[in-house]
Amino acid sequence: MTEQSTMEFPHLILNLYDCGESAIDDEGYIAELIIDLSSLIGMNIISGPHLLSYGDPNSKDHGVTGYAIIAESHIAVHTYTFDRCTYLDIFSCKDFDVEKAILFITDRLESKRCYKQLIHRRTDAVMQHR
């Protein structure tokens, strides 16, 4: 017997502005953010967090990039210290509390402005029953 079901998975994209400079310029802080965020939304890290500081600290093109591969997909963070902005992406194959995640992230990064894009990825799954 074959059964078809539709599932939706969230893909949250955040553009965060006027962030705390010390928060977004610290690899350790970004690593903790990724770990704590994954725990908060019930995701399981299987690799990472992986972090890289890049650019000359005195130039406009400077910041931290971090990501973790989670069993449910990935979490990625890109910071730009000079502009005090952060771009964060949670791509998941499991539902999570989007608003709770946003409040946590904006608080931890001390963001004064946040632009959110939420995509509901739809999949039509075919289940085989024996």
Protein backbone atom coordinates (compact mmCIF):
# COMPACT_ATOMS: atom_id res chain seq x y z
CA MET A 1 0.00 0.00 0.00
CA THR A 2 1.30 3.45 -0.93
CA GLU A 3 0.38 6.63 0.93
CA GLN A 4 1.34 10.17 -0.06
CA SER A 5 1.76 12.90 2.52
CA THR A 6 2.82 16.53 2.32
CA MET A 7 5.32 17.95 4.77
CA GLU A 8 6.64 21.50 5.16
CA PHE A 9 10.03 22.38 6.55
CA PRO A 10 11.17 25.86 7.62
CA HIS A 11 14.10 27.69 6.08
CA LEU A 12 14.78 30.80 8.18
CA ILE A 13 16.99 33.57 6.79
CA LEU A 14 17.84 36.55 8.99
CA ASN A 15 19.57 39.82 8.14
CA LEU A 16 20.54 41.39 11.47
CA TYR A 17 21.69 45.01 11.67
CA ASP A 18 23.23 47.25 14.35
CA CYS A 19 24.67 44.20 16.12
CA GLY A 20 27.00 44.39 19.10
CA GLU A 21 30.48 44.66 17.63
CA SER A 22 32.19 42.54 20.29
CA ALA A 23 29.55 39.80 19.90
CA ILE A 24 29.97 39.43 16.14
CA ASP A 25 33.77 39.70 16.10
CA ASP A 26 34.46 36.75 18.40
CA GLU A 27 34.80 33.21 17.00
CA GLY A 28 34.16 31.66 20.41
CA TYR A 29 31.00 33.69 20.89
CA ILE A 30 29.67 32.70 17.45
CA ALA A 31 30.49 29.03 18.17
CA GLU A 32 28.52 29.23 21.44
CA LEU A 33 25.65 30.91 19.60
CA ILE A 34 25.47 28.04 17.10
CA ILE A 35 25.66 25.37 19.83
CA ASP A 36 23.07 27.06 22.06
CA LEU A 37 20.75 27.81 19.12
CA SER A 38 20.81 24.22 17.89
CA SER A 39 19.95 23.01 21.39
CA LEU A 40 17.18 25.61 21.79
CA ILE A 41 15.44 24.54 18.58
CA GLY A 42 15.95 20.82 19.14
CA MET A 43 18.56 20.19 16.46
CA ASN A 44 21.51 17.80 16.68
CA ILE A 45 24.98 18.95 15.61
CA ILE A 46 26.86 16.21 13.79
CA SER A 47 29.81 18.35 12.60
CA GLY A 48 31.08 21.63 13.95
CA PRO A 49 30.70 24.34 14.68
CA HIS A 50 33.38 25.26 12.15
CA LEU A 51 34.60 28.86 12.32
CA LEU A 52 36.85 31.17 10.37
CA SER A 53 37.78 34.79 10.99
CA TYR A 54 38.59 36.52 7.75
CA GLY A 55 39.92 39.83 6.45
CA ASP A 56 42.05 42.54 7.98
CA PRO A 57 40.47 43.76 11.26
CA ASN A 58 41.04 47.34 10.05
CA SER A 59 39.24 46.86 6.74
CA LYS A 60 35.56 46.89 5.82
CA ASP A 61 35.73 43.24 4.73
CA HIS A 62 36.27 41.63 8.13
CA GLY A 63 34.21 39.21 10.20
CA VAL A 64 33.52 35.67 11.25
CA THR A 65 31.90 32.84 9.32
CA GLY A 66 30.63 29.83 11.20
CA TYR A 67 28.48 26.84 10.41
CA ALA A 68 27.38 23.53 11.81
CA ILE A 69 26.05 20.53 9.99
CA ILE A 70 23.03 19.34 11.92
CA ALA A 71 21.29 16.01 11.48
CA GLU A 72 18.34 18.04 10.23
CA SER A 73 20.45 20.12 7.73
CA HIS A 74 22.59 23.19 8.66
CA ILE A 75 23.01 26.46 10.55
CA ALA A 76 25.27 29.14 9.02
CA VAL A 77 26.37 32.55 10.33
CA HIS A 78 28.28 35.31 8.50
CA THR A 79 29.26 38.48 10.36
CA TYR A 80 30.61 41.78 9.07
CA THR A 81 32.19 43.69 11.95
CA PHE A 82 32.68 47.04 10.17
CA ASP A 83 29.02 47.24 9.14
CA ARG A 84 27.84 45.61 12.42
CA CYS A 85 25.63 43.18 10.51
CA THR A 86 25.11 39.43 10.55
CA TYR A 87 23.45 37.05 8.13
CA LEU A 88 22.13 33.81 9.61
CA ASP A 89 20.53 30.83 7.94
CA ILE A 90 18.74 27.84 9.47
CA PHE A 91 17.89 25.24 6.85
CA SER A 92 15.96 22.41 8.47
CA CYS A 93 14.15 19.20 7.65
CA LYS A 94 12.43 19.40 11.03
CA ASP A 95 9.95 21.96 12.31
CA PHE A 96 11.11 24.40 14.99
CA ASP A 97 9.81 27.46 16.87
CA VAL A 98 10.84 30.25 14.49
CA GLU A 99 9.87 33.14 16.76
CA LYS A 100 11.74 31.64 19.72
CA ALA A 101 14.84 31.28 17.52
CA ILE A 102 14.59 34.89 16.30
CA LEU A 103 14.26 36.29 19.83
CA PHE A 104 17.24 34.23 21.00
CA ILE A 105 19.44 35.28 18.06
CA THR A 106 18.59 39.00 18.17
CA ASP A 107 19.21 39.05 21.92
CA ARG A 108 22.54 37.21 21.74
CA LEU A 109 23.84 39.37 18.87
CA GLU A 110 22.41 42.57 20.39
CA SER A 111 20.71 43.33 17.08
CA LYS A 112 18.60 46.50 16.90
CA ARG A 113 17.01 45.64 13.53
CA CYS A 114 16.13 42.29 12.03
CA TYR A 115 14.78 41.41 8.59
CA LYS A 116 13.27 37.92 8.46
CA GLN A 117 12.56 35.73 5.48
CA LEU A 118 10.82 32.43 6.17
CA ILE A 119 10.48 29.90 3.40
CA HIS A 120 8.27 26.86 3.88
CA ARG A 121 9.84 24.17 1.75
CA ARG A 122 7.25 21.65 0.78
CA THR A 123 7.91 18.04 0.06
CA ASP A 124 5.52 15.40 -1.09
CA ALA A 125 6.67 12.18 0.51
CA VAL A 126 5.55 8.81 -0.69
CA MET A 127 5.38 6.25 2.09
CA GLN A 128 5.37 2.53 1.43
CA HIS A 129 3.46 0.41 3.93
CA ARG A 130 4.03 -3.32 4.08
